[in-house]
Amino acid sequence: MIPFGAFVRIADGIEGLVHNTQFGDEPVEDPGQIVSEGDEITVRIVEVDLVRRRLTLSARNLPQSEKRSD
């Protein structure tokens, strides 16, 4: 958890950032309002930056049928 989002491990050694604006329709001030360390959430990969070795993730607008632990 960081002030502007939360890092999510999507596989061993692979993590990405879910920014505070990507948890729902409204931005959150503190990602701890939505998730806690150790929670399993479903995310979508929004951007892959190979040069900077970064993944941008989103938990927004996922259909209810996709909301499972990944």
C-alpha atoms as a PDB file:
ATOM      1  CA  MET A   1       0.000   0.000   0.000  1.00  0.00           C
ATOM      2  CA  ILE A   2       1.223   3.449  -0.887  1.00  0.00           C
ATOM      3  CA  PRO A   3      -0.533   6.841  -0.586  1.00  0.00           C
ATOM      4  CA  PHE A   4      -1.587   6.905  -4.257  1.00  0.00           C
ATOM      5  CA  GLY A   5      -2.490   3.254  -4.790  1.00  0.00           C
ATOM      6  CA  ALA A   6      -1.660  -0.346  -4.072  1.00  0.00           C
ATOM      7  CA  PHE A   7       0.711  -2.820  -5.620  1.00  0.00           C
ATOM      8  CA  VAL A   8      -0.886  -6.107  -6.621  1.00  0.00           C
ATOM      9  CA  ARG A   9       1.056  -9.325  -7.151  1.00  0.00           C
ATOM     10  CA  ILE A  10      -0.365 -11.014 -10.238  1.00  0.00           C
ATOM     11  CA  ALA A  11       2.205 -13.844 -10.323  1.00  0.00           C
ATOM     12  CA  ASP A  12       5.426 -14.747  -8.517  1.00  0.00           C
ATOM     13  CA  GLY A  13       7.817 -11.851  -9.076  1.00  0.00           C
ATOM     14  CA  ILE A  14       5.294  -9.837 -11.113  1.00  0.00           C
ATOM     15  CA  GLU A  15       3.536  -6.869  -9.539  1.00  0.00           C
ATOM     16  CA  GLY A  16       1.631  -3.897 -10.890  1.00  0.00           C
ATOM     17  CA  LEU A  17       0.096  -0.729  -9.529  1.00  0.00           C
ATOM     18  CA  VAL A  18      -3.607  -0.036  -9.099  1.00  0.00           C
ATOM     19  CA  HIS A  19      -3.811   3.756  -8.796  1.00  0.00           C
ATOM     20  CA  ASN A  20      -6.392   5.300  -6.448  1.00  0.00           C
ATOM     21  CA  THR A  21      -8.410   6.345  -9.510  1.00  0.00           C
ATOM     22  CA  GLN A  22      -8.640   2.727 -10.704  1.00  0.00           C
ATOM     23  CA  PHE A  23     -10.453   1.072  -7.790  1.00  0.00           C
ATOM     24  CA  GLY A  24     -13.936   2.216  -8.747  1.00  0.00           C
ATOM     25  CA  ASP A  25     -15.986   4.922 -10.385  1.00  0.00           C
ATOM     26  CA  GLU A  26     -14.870   7.481  -7.788  1.00  0.00           C
ATOM     27  CA  PRO A  27     -11.221   7.983  -6.791  1.00  0.00           C
ATOM     28  CA  VAL A  28     -10.353   7.032  -3.224  1.00  0.00           C
ATOM     29  CA  GLU A  29      -8.132   9.054  -0.904  1.00  0.00           C
ATOM     30  CA  ASP A  30      -6.615   5.976   0.712  1.00  0.00           C
ATOM     31  CA  PRO A  31      -6.427   2.554  -0.970  1.00  0.00           C
ATOM     32  CA  GLY A  32      -6.929   1.054   2.497  1.00  0.00           C
ATOM     33  CA  GLN A  33     -10.583   2.109   2.171  1.00  0.00           C
ATOM     34  CA  ILE A  34     -10.978  -0.526  -0.551  1.00  0.00           C
ATOM     35  CA  VAL A  35      -8.362  -3.235   0.039  1.00  0.00           C
ATOM     36  CA  SER A  36      -6.110  -4.543   2.781  1.00  0.00           C
ATOM     37  CA  GLU A  37      -2.744  -6.213   2.465  1.00  0.00           C
ATOM     38  CA  GLY A  38      -3.288  -9.882   1.641  1.00  0.00           C
ATOM     39  CA  ASP A  39      -6.694  -9.394  -0.035  1.00  0.00           C
ATOM     40  CA  GLU A  40      -7.247 -11.181  -3.326  1.00  0.00           C
ATOM     41  CA  ILE A  41      -8.821  -8.942  -5.969  1.00  0.00           C
ATOM     42  CA  THR A  42      -9.474  -9.198  -9.682  1.00  0.00           C
ATOM     43  CA  VAL A  43      -7.666  -6.679 -11.859  1.00  0.00           C
ATOM     44  CA  ARG A  44      -7.229  -5.996 -15.542  1.00  0.00           C
ATOM     45  CA  ILE A  45      -3.894  -5.091 -17.158  1.00  0.00           C
ATOM     46  CA  VAL A  46      -4.315  -1.614 -18.654  1.00  0.00           C
ATOM     47  CA  GLU A  47      -0.777  -0.849 -19.770  1.00  0.00           C
ATOM     48  CA  VAL A  48       2.552  -2.634 -20.093  1.00  0.00           C
ATOM     49  CA  ASP A  49       5.646  -0.416 -20.095  1.00  0.00           C
ATOM     50  CA  LEU A  50       8.502  -2.694 -21.137  1.00  0.00           C
ATOM     51  CA  VAL A  51      11.144   0.037 -20.962  1.00  0.00           C
ATOM     52  CA  ARG A  52      10.324   1.007 -17.363  1.00  0.00           C
ATOM     53  CA  ARG A  53       9.244  -2.563 -16.510  1.00  0.00           C
ATOM     54  CA  ARG A  54       5.870  -1.443 -15.138  1.00  0.00           C
ATOM     55  CA  LEU A  55       2.331  -2.740 -15.276  1.00  0.00           C
ATOM     56  CA  THR A  56      -0.647  -0.452 -14.821  1.00  0.00           C
ATOM     57  CA  LEU A  57      -3.652  -2.307 -13.432  1.00  0.00           C
ATOM     58  CA  SER A  58      -7.318  -1.456 -12.967  1.00  0.00           C
ATOM     59  CA  ALA A  59     -10.112  -2.875 -10.836  1.00  0.00           C
ATOM     60  CA  ARG A  60     -12.715  -0.588 -12.466  1.00  0.00           C
ATOM     61  CA  ASN A  61     -15.708  -1.641 -14.521  1.00  0.00           C
ATOM     62  CA  LEU A  62     -15.227  -5.372 -14.192  1.00  0.00           C
ATOM     63  CA  PRO A  63     -18.423  -7.354 -14.809  1.00  0.00           C
ATOM     64  CA  GLN A  64     -19.694  -9.107 -11.690  1.00  0.00           C
ATOM     65  CA  SER A  65     -19.028 -12.507 -13.294  1.00  0.00           C
ATOM     66  CA  GLU A  66     -15.321 -11.611 -13.544  1.00  0.00           C
ATOM     67  CA  LYS A  67     -15.027 -10.603  -9.890  1.00  0.00           C
ATOM     68  CA  ARG A  68     -13.161 -13.626  -8.628  1.00  0.00           C
ATOM     69  CA  SER A  69      -9.833 -14.060  -6.881  1.00  0.00           C
ATOM     70  CA  ASP A  70      -6.901 -14.116  -9.312  1.00  0.00           C
END
